[in-house]
Amino acid sequence: MKVKDGEGYDIRSFDDKGNEFHIEVKTTTGGKHTPFYMSENERAYMEKMKEKYSLYRVYNFDRVSGIGDYFVLSGTKLIDNESFNPISYEISYKAK
């Protein structure tokens, strides 16, 4: 089941025992080790729900055919083994 933007994940699903889990999908046309972007909201949700969270990493995606390769990482594995580097800031003008 697709969820609305801002929830921190893309898909709400269930395993064969009826347990709910959440899926985030990140897609690039680059290779397996191409860096990808995740919002702070997505990162925070993954950390909070790491036991019920998986990231599907689609790479070598061909936009014409709609075909790519993929692998799956659990939220726990992402938190424990990957590097998260903040790279941008939102700038808001203050009213004077």
PDB file of N, CA and C in Angstrom:
ATOM      1  N   MET A   1       0.839  -1.171   0.000  1.00  0.00           N
ATOM      2  CA  MET A   1       0.000   0.000   0.000  1.00  0.00           C
ATOM      3  C   MET A   1       0.887   1.238   0.000  1.00  0.00           C
ATOM      4  N   LYS A   2       0.737   2.081  -1.026  1.00  0.00           N
ATOM      5  CA  LYS A   2       1.482   3.338  -1.114  1.00  0.00           C
ATOM      6  C   LYS A   2       0.953   4.299  -0.069  1.00  0.00           C
ATOM      7  N   VAL A   3       1.853   5.073   0.535  1.00  0.00           N
ATOM      8  CA  VAL A   3       1.459   6.041   1.557  1.00  0.00           C
ATOM      9  C   VAL A   3       1.682   7.458   1.040  1.00  0.00           C
ATOM     10  N   LYS A   4       1.130   8.438   1.733  1.00  0.00           N
ATOM     11  CA  LYS A   4       1.287   9.826   1.305  1.00  0.00           C
ATOM     12  C   LYS A   4       2.704  10.316   1.597  1.00  0.00           C
ATOM     13  N   ASP A   5       3.147  11.314   0.831  1.00  0.00           N
ATOM     14  CA  ASP A   5       4.465  11.905   1.030  1.00  0.00           C
ATOM     15  C   ASP A   5       4.599  12.425   2.451  1.00  0.00           C
ATOM     16  N   GLY A   6       5.806  12.360   2.970  1.00  0.00           N
ATOM     17  CA  GLY A   6       6.080  12.881   4.294  1.00  0.00           C
ATOM     18  C   GLY A   6       5.962  11.871   5.413  1.00  0.00           C
ATOM     19  N   GLU A   7       5.553  10.640   5.100  1.00  0.00           N
ATOM     20  CA  GLU A   7       5.402   9.613   6.133  1.00  0.00           C
ATOM     21  C   GLU A   7       6.744   9.023   6.574  1.00  0.00           C
ATOM     22  N   GLY A   8       7.780   9.172   5.762  1.00  0.00           N
ATOM     23  CA  GLY A   8       9.088   8.608   6.105  1.00  0.00           C
ATOM     24  C   GLY A   8       9.382   7.289   5.424  1.00  0.00           C
ATOM     25  N   TYR A   9       8.443   6.805   4.633  1.00  0.00           N
ATOM     26  CA  TYR A   9       8.629   5.568   3.870  1.00  0.00           C
ATOM     27  C   TYR A   9       7.666   5.599   2.685  1.00  0.00           C
ATOM     28  N   ASP A  10       7.868   4.701   1.718  1.00  0.00           N
ATOM     29  CA  ASP A  10       7.061   4.695   0.496  1.00  0.00           C
ATOM     30  C   ASP A  10       5.903   3.708   0.520  1.00  0.00           C
ATOM     31  N   ILE A  11       6.123   2.538   1.110  1.00  0.00           N
ATOM     32  CA  ILE A  11       5.142   1.452   1.010  1.00  0.00           C
ATOM     33  C   ILE A  11       4.916   0.818   2.386  1.00  0.00           C
ATOM     34  N   ARG A  12       3.661   0.638   2.744  1.00  0.00           N
ATOM     35  CA  ARG A  12       3.301  -0.125   3.948  1.00  0.00           C
ATOM     36  C   ARG A  12       2.906  -1.517   3.476  1.00  0.00           C
ATOM     37  N   SER A  13       3.515  -2.537   4.052  1.00  0.00           N
ATOM     38  CA  SER A  13       3.258  -3.902   3.619  1.00  0.00           C
ATOM     39  C   SER A  13       3.117  -4.806   4.841  1.00  0.00           C
ATOM     40  N   PHE A  14       2.880  -6.090   4.570  1.00  0.00           N
ATOM     41  CA  PHE A  14       2.699  -7.076   5.630  1.00  0.00           C
ATOM     42  C   PHE A  14       3.408  -8.361   5.231  1.00  0.00           C
ATOM     43  N   ASP A  15       4.000  -9.036   6.220  1.00  0.00           N
ATOM     44  CA  ASP A  15       4.607 -10.324   5.921  1.00  0.00           C
ATOM     45  C   ASP A  15       3.528 -11.414   5.950  1.00  0.00           C
ATOM     46  N   ASP A  16       3.940 -12.663   5.725  1.00  0.00           N
ATOM     47  CA  ASP A  16       2.970 -13.754   5.646  1.00  0.00           C
ATOM     48  C   ASP A  16       2.284 -14.060   6.975  1.00  0.00           C
ATOM     49  N   LYS A  17       2.783 -13.506   8.075  1.00  0.00           N
ATOM     50  CA  LYS A  17       2.148 -13.675   9.388  1.00  0.00           C
ATOM     51  C   LYS A  17       1.278 -12.476   9.763  1.00  0.00           C
ATOM     52  N   GLY A  18       1.174 -11.513   8.857  1.00  0.00           N
ATOM     53  CA  GLY A  18       0.347 -10.345   9.117  1.00  0.00           C
ATOM     54  C   GLY A  18       1.050  -9.210   9.831  1.00  0.00           C
ATOM     55  N   ASN A  19       2.357  -9.324  10.056  1.00  0.00           N
ATOM     56  CA  ASN A  19       3.113  -8.263  10.710  1.00  0.00           C
ATOM     57  C   ASN A  19       3.382  -7.126   9.729  1.00  0.00           C
ATOM     58  N   GLU A  20       3.087  -5.914  10.138  1.00  0.00           N
ATOM     59  CA  GLU A  20       3.293  -4.741   9.284  1.00  0.00           C
ATOM     60  C   GLU A  20       4.773  -4.389   9.214  1.00  0.00           C
ATOM     61  N   PHE A  21       5.230  -3.977   8.035  1.00  0.00           N
ATOM     62  CA  PHE A  21       6.568  -3.420   7.894  1.00  0.00           C
ATOM     63  C   PHE A  21       6.535  -2.340   6.821  1.00  0.00           C
ATOM     64  N   HIS A  22       7.573  -1.509   6.810  1.00  0.00           N
ATOM     65  CA  HIS A  22       7.611  -0.342   5.933  1.00  0.00           C
ATOM     66  C   HIS A  22       8.804  -0.425   4.999  1.00  0.00           C
ATOM     67  N   ILE A  23       8.570   0.018   3.770  1.00  0.00           N
ATOM     68  CA  ILE A  23       9.580  -0.070   2.718  1.00  0.00           C
ATOM     69  C   ILE A  23       9.854   1.318   2.159  1.00  0.00           C
ATOM     70  N   GLU A  24      11.126   1.642   2.034  1.00  0.00           N
ATOM     71  CA  GLU A  24      11.567   2.843   1.317  1.00  0.00           C
ATOM     72  C   GLU A  24      12.282   2.353   0.067  1.00  0.00           C
ATOM     73  N   VAL A  25      12.018   2.981  -1.081  1.00  0.00           N
ATOM     74  CA  VAL A  25      12.656   2.606  -2.341  1.00  0.00           C
ATOM     75  C   VAL A  25      13.514   3.772  -2.813  1.00  0.00           C
ATOM     76  N   LYS A  26      14.776   3.494  -3.091  1.00  0.00           N
ATOM     77  CA  LYS A  26      15.698   4.497  -3.625  1.00  0.00           C
ATOM     78  C   LYS A  26      16.253   3.972  -4.939  1.00  0.00           C
ATOM     79  N   THR A  27      16.097   4.764  -5.994  1.00  0.00           N
ATOM     80  CA  THR A  27      16.456   4.327  -7.344  1.00  0.00           C
ATOM     81  C   THR A  27      17.459   5.275  -7.977  1.00  0.00           C
ATOM     82  N   THR A  28      18.489   4.720  -8.627  1.00  0.00           N
ATOM     83  CA  THR A  28      19.430   5.505  -9.417  1.00  0.00           C
ATOM     84  C   THR A  28      19.733   4.767 -10.718  1.00  0.00           C
ATOM     85  N   THR A  29      20.151   5.531 -11.713  1.00  0.00           N
ATOM     86  CA  THR A  29      20.595   4.936 -12.968  1.00  0.00           C
ATOM     87  C   THR A  29      22.051   4.495 -12.857  1.00  0.00           C
ATOM     88  N   GLY A  30      22.736   4.931 -11.813  1.00  0.00           N
ATOM     89  CA  GLY A  30      24.132   4.576 -11.591  1.00  0.00           C
ATOM     90  C   GLY A  30      24.285   3.170 -11.050  1.00  0.00           C
ATOM     91  N   GLY A  31      25.540   2.792 -10.809  1.00  0.00           N
ATOM     92  CA  GLY A  31      25.872   1.459 -10.335  1.00  0.00           C
ATOM     93  C   GLY A  31      25.517   1.214  -8.881  1.00  0.00           C
ATOM     94  N   LYS A  32      25.811   0.027  -8.438  1.00  0.00           N
ATOM     95  CA  LYS A  32      25.447  -0.451  -7.102  1.00  0.00           C
ATOM     96  C   LYS A  32      25.961   0.448  -5.977  1.00  0.00           C
ATOM     97  N   HIS A  33      27.115   1.047  -6.153  1.00  0.00           N
ATOM     98  CA  HIS A  33      27.719   1.858  -5.095  1.00  0.00           C
ATOM     99  C   HIS A  33      27.515   3.363  -5.291  1.00  0.00           C
ATOM    100  N   THR A  34      26.647   3.738  -6.217  1.00  0.00           N
ATOM    101  CA  THR A  34      26.347   5.156  -6.419  1.00  0.00           C
ATOM    102  C   THR A  34      25.642   5.700  -5.181  1.00  0.00           C
ATOM    103  N   PRO A  35      26.144   6.813  -4.608  1.00  0.00           N
ATOM    104  CA  PRO A  35      25.451   7.405  -3.463  1.00  0.00           C
ATOM    105  C   PRO A  35      24.023   7.797  -3.837  1.00  0.00           C
ATOM    106  N   PHE A  36      23.148   7.802  -2.860  1.00  0.00           N
ATOM    107  CA  PHE A  36      21.765   8.222  -3.084  1.00  0.00           C
ATOM    108  C   PHE A  36      21.347   9.119  -1.930  1.00  0.00           C
ATOM    109  N   TYR A  37      20.214   9.752  -2.080  1.00  0.00           N
ATOM    110  CA  TYR A  37      19.775  10.750  -1.114  1.00  0.00           C
ATOM    111  C   TYR A  37      18.566  10.279  -0.325  1.00  0.00           C
ATOM    112  N   MET A  38      18.542  10.680   0.926  1.00  0.00           N
ATOM    113  CA  MET A  38      17.451  10.354   1.827  1.00  0.00           C
ATOM    114  C   MET A  38      17.163  11.627   2.622  1.00  0.00           C
ATOM    115  N   SER A  39      15.906  11.941   2.789  1.00  0.00           N
ATOM    116  CA  SER A  39      15.568  13.132   3.573  1.00  0.00           C
ATOM    117  C   SER A  39      15.814  12.869   5.062  1.00  0.00           C
ATOM    118  N   GLU A  40      15.908  13.931   5.838  1.00  0.00           N
ATOM    119  CA  GLU A  40      16.066  13.781   7.279  1.00  0.00           C
ATOM    120  C   GLU A  40      14.851  13.065   7.864  1.00  0.00           C
ATOM    121  N   ASN A  41      13.672  13.357   7.343  1.00  0.00           N
ATOM    122  CA  ASN A  41      12.462  12.686   7.791  1.00  0.00           C
ATOM    123  C   ASN A  41      12.545  11.178   7.537  1.00  0.00           C
ATOM    124  N   GLU A  42      13.003  10.783   6.356  1.00  0.00           N
ATOM    125  CA  GLU A  42      13.160   9.357   6.031  1.00  0.00           C
ATOM    126  C   GLU A  42      14.199   8.696   6.945  1.00  0.00           C
ATOM    127  N   ARG A  43      15.322   9.382   7.173  1.00  0.00           N
ATOM    128  CA  ARG A  43      16.371   8.828   8.027  1.00  0.00           C
ATOM    129  C   ARG A  43      15.872   8.646   9.467  1.00  0.00           C
ATOM    130  N   ALA A  44      15.192   9.666   9.989  1.00  0.00           N
ATOM    131  CA  ALA A  44      14.692   9.602  11.361  1.00  0.00           C
ATOM    132  C   ALA A  44      13.655   8.480  11.508  1.00  0.00           C
ATOM    133  N   TYR A  45      12.781   8.341  10.504  1.00  0.00           N
ATOM    134  CA  TYR A  45      11.774   7.280  10.562  1.00  0.00           C
ATOM    135  C   TYR A  45      12.441   5.907  10.529  1.00  0.00           C
ATOM    136  N   MET A  46      13.432   5.757   9.671  1.00  0.00           N
ATOM    137  CA  MET A  46      14.149   4.487   9.578  1.00  0.00           C
ATOM    138  C   MET A  46      14.796   4.144  10.912  1.00  0.00           C
ATOM    139  N   GLU A  47      15.416   5.121  11.556  1.00  0.00           N
ATOM    140  CA  GLU A  47      16.064   4.868  12.838  1.00  0.00           C
ATOM    141  C   GLU A  47      15.040   4.475  13.909  1.00  0.00           C
ATOM    142  N   LYS A  48      13.908   5.144  13.918  1.00  0.00           N
ATOM    143  CA  LYS A  48      12.853   4.870  14.892  1.00  0.00           C
ATOM    144  C   LYS A  48      12.225   3.494  14.680  1.00  0.00           C
ATOM    145  N   MET A  49      12.041   3.104  13.419  1.00  0.00           N
ATOM    146  CA  MET A  49      11.323   1.874  13.078  1.00  0.00           C
ATOM    147  C   MET A  49      12.235   0.793  12.495  1.00  0.00           C
ATOM    148  N   LYS A  50      13.520   0.834  12.801  1.00  0.00           N
ATOM    149  CA  LYS A  50      14.504  -0.021  12.129  1.00  0.00           C
ATOM    150  C   LYS A  50      14.175  -1.510  12.136  1.00  0.00           C
ATOM    151  N   GLU A  51      13.476  -1.990  13.138  1.00  0.00           N
ATOM    152  CA  GLU A  51      13.127  -3.415  13.202  1.00  0.00           C
ATOM    153  C   GLU A  51      12.006  -3.768  12.215  1.00  0.00           C
ATOM    154  N   LYS A  52      11.255  -2.776  11.764  1.00  0.00           N
ATOM    155  CA  LYS A  52      10.116  -3.007  10.858  1.00  0.00           C
ATOM    156  C   LYS A  52      10.291  -2.230   9.559  1.00  0.00           C
ATOM    157  N   TYR A  53      11.536  -2.062   9.120  1.00  0.00           N
ATOM    158  CA  TYR A  53      11.851  -1.179   7.998  1.00  0.00           C
ATOM    159  C   TYR A  53      12.852  -1.855   7.077  1.00  0.00           C
ATOM    160  N   SER A  54      12.632  -1.719   5.770  1.00  0.00           N
ATOM    161  CA  SER A  54      13.598  -2.187   4.771  1.00  0.00           C
ATOM    162  C   SER A  54      13.759  -1.131   3.696  1.00  0.00           C
ATOM    163  N   LEU A  55      14.967  -1.019   3.180  1.00  0.00           N
ATOM    164  CA  LEU A  55      15.252  -0.134   2.057  1.00  0.00           C
ATOM    165  C   LEU A  55      15.525  -1.004   0.840  1.00  0.00           C
ATOM    166  N   TYR A  56      14.763  -0.791  -0.212  1.00  0.00           N
ATOM    167  CA  TYR A  56      14.989  -1.466  -1.488  1.00  0.00           C
ATOM    168  C   TYR A  56      15.814  -0.521  -2.339  1.00  0.00           C
ATOM    169  N   ARG A  57      17.036  -0.906  -2.635  1.00  0.00           N
ATOM    170  CA  ARG A  57      17.979  -0.077  -3.373  1.00  0.00           C
ATOM    171  C   ARG A  57      18.002  -0.550  -4.821  1.00  0.00           C
ATOM    172  N   VAL A  58      17.376   0.221  -5.701  1.00  0.00           N
ATOM    173  CA  VAL A  58      17.336  -0.094  -7.129  1.00  0.00           C
ATOM    174  C   VAL A  58      18.456   0.688  -7.800  1.00  0.00           C
ATOM    175  N   TYR A  59      19.283   0.024  -8.594  1.00  0.00           N
ATOM    176  CA  TYR A  59      20.409   0.659  -9.293  1.00  0.00           C
ATOM    177  C   TYR A  59      20.480   0.117 -10.723  1.00  0.00           C
ATOM    178  N   ASN A  60      21.312   0.733 -11.548  1.00  0.00           N
ATOM    179  CA  ASN A  60      21.382   0.384 -12.979  1.00  0.00           C
ATOM    180  C   ASN A  60      19.988   0.451 -13.610  1.00  0.00           C
ATOM    181  N   PHE A  61      19.187   1.395 -13.151  1.00  0.00           N
ATOM    182  CA  PHE A  61      17.819   1.502 -13.639  1.00  0.00           C
ATOM    183  C   PHE A  61      17.804   2.090 -15.048  1.00  0.00           C
ATOM    184  N   ASP A  62      17.160   1.394 -15.960  1.00  0.00           N
ATOM    185  CA  ASP A  62      17.000   1.838 -17.341  1.00  0.00           C
ATOM    186  C   ASP A  62      15.616   2.467 -17.477  1.00  0.00           C
ATOM    187  N   ARG A  63      15.578   3.759 -17.711  1.00  0.00           N
ATOM    188  CA  ARG A  63      14.298   4.473 -17.779  1.00  0.00           C
ATOM    189  C   ARG A  63      13.441   4.043 -18.962  1.00  0.00           C
ATOM    190  N   VAL A  64      14.061   3.582 -20.027  1.00  0.00           N
ATOM    191  CA  VAL A  64      13.308   3.155 -21.211  1.00  0.00           C
ATOM    192  C   VAL A  64      12.586   1.831 -20.946  1.00  0.00           C
ATOM    193  N   SER A  65      13.328   0.858 -20.463  1.00  0.00           N
ATOM    194  CA  SER A  65      12.739  -0.472 -20.244  1.00  0.00           C
ATOM    195  C   SER A  65      12.045  -0.592 -18.888  1.00  0.00           C
ATOM    196  N   GLY A  66      12.410   0.285 -17.937  1.00  0.00           N
ATOM    197  CA  GLY A  66      11.858   0.186 -16.592  1.00  0.00           C
ATOM    198  C   GLY A  66      12.461  -0.953 -15.788  1.00  0.00           C
ATOM    199  N   ILE A  67      13.644  -1.408 -16.204  1.00  0.00           N
ATOM    200  CA  ILE A  67      14.301  -2.539 -15.555  1.00  0.00           C
ATOM    201  C   ILE A  67      15.573  -2.070 -14.840  1.00  0.00           C
ATOM    202  N   GLY A  68      15.818  -2.646 -13.678  1.00  0.00           N
ATOM    203  CA  GLY A  68      17.034  -2.358 -12.927  1.00  0.00           C
ATOM    204  C   GLY A  68      17.386  -3.536 -12.047  1.00  0.00           C
ATOM    205  N   ASP A  69      18.523  -3.424 -11.386  1.00  0.00           N
ATOM    206  CA  ASP A  69      18.946  -4.420 -10.406  1.00  0.00           C
ATOM    207  C   ASP A  69      18.590  -3.880  -9.022  1.00  0.00           C
ATOM    208  N   TYR A  70      18.532  -4.757  -8.012  1.00  0.00           N
ATOM    209  CA  TYR A  70      18.232  -4.260  -6.671  1.00  0.00           C
ATOM    210  C   TYR A  70      18.778  -5.179  -5.596  1.00  0.00           C
ATOM    211  N   PHE A  71      18.865  -4.624  -4.400  1.00  0.00           N
ATOM    212  CA  PHE A  71      19.134  -5.399  -3.204  1.00  0.00           C
ATOM    213  C   PHE A  71      18.340  -4.767  -2.068  1.00  0.00           C
ATOM    214  N   VAL A  72      18.212  -5.497  -0.976  1.00  0.00           N
ATOM    215  CA  VAL A  72      17.403  -5.050   0.155  1.00  0.00           C
ATOM    216  C   VAL A  72      18.288  -4.955   1.393  1.00  0.00           C
ATOM    217  N   LEU A  73      18.134  -3.856   2.131  1.00  0.00           N
ATOM    218  CA  LEU A  73      18.834  -3.674   3.399  1.00  0.00           C
ATOM    219  C   LEU A  73      17.815  -3.433   4.501  1.00  0.00           C
ATOM    220  N   SER A  74      17.996  -4.088   5.618  1.00  0.00           N
ATOM    221  CA  SER A  74      17.111  -3.850   6.767  1.00  0.00           C
ATOM    222  C   SER A  74      17.473  -2.517   7.403  1.00  0.00           C
ATOM    223  N   GLY A  75      16.540  -1.934   8.122  1.00  0.00           N
ATOM    224  CA  GLY A  75      16.815  -0.696   8.840  1.00  0.00           C
ATOM    225  C   GLY A  75      17.949  -0.865   9.827  1.00  0.00           C
ATOM    226  N   THR A  76      17.993  -1.999  10.507  1.00  0.00           N
ATOM    227  CA  THR A  76      19.054  -2.264  11.477  1.00  0.00           C
ATOM    228  C   THR A  76      20.418  -2.288  10.800  1.00  0.00           C
ATOM    229  N   LYS A  77      20.512  -2.955   9.660  1.00  0.00           N
ATOM    230  CA  LYS A  77      21.787  -3.028   8.941  1.00  0.00           C
ATOM    231  C   LYS A  77      22.211  -1.647   8.444  1.00  0.00           C
ATOM    232  N   LEU A  78      21.263  -0.866   7.964  1.00  0.00           N
ATOM    233  CA  LEU A  78      21.591   0.487   7.503  1.00  0.00           C
ATOM    234  C   LEU A  78      22.154   1.334   8.639  1.00  0.00           C
ATOM    235  N   ILE A  79      21.476   1.334   9.778  1.00  0.00           N
ATOM    236  CA  ILE A  79      21.922   2.132  10.923  1.00  0.00           C
ATOM    237  C   ILE A  79      23.308   1.694  11.385  1.00  0.00           C
ATOM    238  N   ASP A  80      23.551   0.387  11.425  1.00  0.00           N
ATOM    239  CA  ASP A  80      24.803  -0.141  11.954  1.00  0.00           C
ATOM    240  C   ASP A  80      25.979  -0.085  10.983  1.00  0.00           C
ATOM    241  N   ASN A  81      25.709  -0.085   9.659  1.00  0.00           N
ATOM    242  CA  ASN A  81      26.797  -0.269   8.701  1.00  0.00           C
ATOM    243  C   ASN A  81      26.983   0.817   7.654  1.00  0.00           C
ATOM    244  N   GLU A  82      26.076   1.728   7.533  1.00  0.00           N
ATOM    245  CA  GLU A  82      26.191   2.718   6.472  1.00  0.00           C
ATOM    246  C   GLU A  82      26.531   4.096   7.035  1.00  0.00           C
ATOM    247  N   SER A  83      27.038   4.946   6.169  1.00  0.00           N
ATOM    248  CA  SER A  83      27.434   6.295   6.548  1.00  0.00           C
ATOM    249  C   SER A  83      26.371   7.293   6.092  1.00  0.00           C
ATOM    250  N   PHE A  84      25.890   8.092   7.015  1.00  0.00           N
ATOM    251  CA  PHE A  84      24.895   9.127   6.715  1.00  0.00           C
ATOM    252  C   PHE A  84      25.579  10.483   6.846  1.00  0.00           C
ATOM    253  N   ASN A  85      25.674  11.200   5.731  1.00  0.00           N
ATOM    254  CA  ASN A  85      26.355  12.489   5.717  1.00  0.00           C
ATOM    255  C   ASN A  85      25.379  13.600   5.353  1.00  0.00           C
ATOM    256  N   PRO A  86      25.102  14.528   6.286  1.00  0.00           N
ATOM    257  CA  PRO A  86      24.205  15.639   5.952  1.00  0.00           C
ATOM    258  C   PRO A  86      24.872  16.527   4.908  1.00  0.00           C
ATOM    259  N   ILE A  87      24.112  16.882   3.854  1.00  0.00           N
ATOM    260  CA  ILE A  87      24.725  17.667   2.776  1.00  0.00           C
ATOM    261  C   ILE A  87      23.952  18.916   2.395  1.00  0.00           C
ATOM    262  N   SER A  88      22.809  19.170   3.010  1.00  0.00           N
ATOM    263  CA  SER A  88      22.076  20.369   2.633  1.00  0.00           C
ATOM    264  C   SER A  88      21.285  20.919   3.803  1.00  0.00           C
ATOM    265  N   TYR A  89      20.884  22.159   3.679  1.00  0.00           N
ATOM    266  CA  TYR A  89      20.090  22.834   4.686  1.00  0.00           C
ATOM    267  C   TYR A  89      18.923  23.524   4.015  1.00  0.00           C
ATOM    268  N   GLU A  90      17.830  23.608   4.726  1.00  0.00           N
ATOM    269  CA  GLU A  90      16.691  24.395   4.262  1.00  0.00           C
ATOM    270  C   GLU A  90      16.846  25.785   4.834  1.00  0.00           C
ATOM    271  N   ILE A  91      16.763  26.790   3.976  1.00  0.00           N
ATOM    272  CA  ILE A  91      16.911  28.179   4.395  1.00  0.00           C
ATOM    273  C   ILE A  91      15.546  28.840   4.326  1.00  0.00           C
ATOM    274  N   SER A  92      15.123  29.402   5.442  1.00  0.00           N
ATOM    275  CA  SER A  92      13.837  30.114   5.500  1.00  0.00           C
ATOM    276  C   SER A  92      14.099  31.568   5.856  1.00  0.00           C
ATOM    277  N   TYR A  93      13.421  32.458   5.146  1.00  0.00           N
ATOM    278  CA  TYR A  93      13.574  33.885   5.436  1.00  0.00           C
ATOM    279  C   TYR A  93      12.783  34.239   6.693  1.00  0.00           C
ATOM    280  N   LYS A  94      13.392  35.031   7.545  1.00  0.00           N
ATOM    281  CA  LYS A  94      12.717  35.492   8.754  1.00  0.00           C
ATOM    282  C   LYS A  94      11.977  36.790   8.448  1.00  0.00           C
ATOM    283  N   ALA A  95      10.760  36.866   8.952  1.00  0.00           N
ATOM    284  CA  ALA A  95       9.990  38.105   8.787  1.00  0.00           C
ATOM    285  C   ALA A  95      10.628  39.188   9.623  1.00  0.00           C
ATOM    286  N   LYS A  96      10.697  40.389   9.043  1.00  0.00           N
ATOM    287  CA  LYS A  96      11.312  41.517   9.773  1.00  0.00           C
ATOM    288  C   LYS A  96      10.256  42.463  10.262  1.00  0.00           C
TER     289      LYS A  96
END
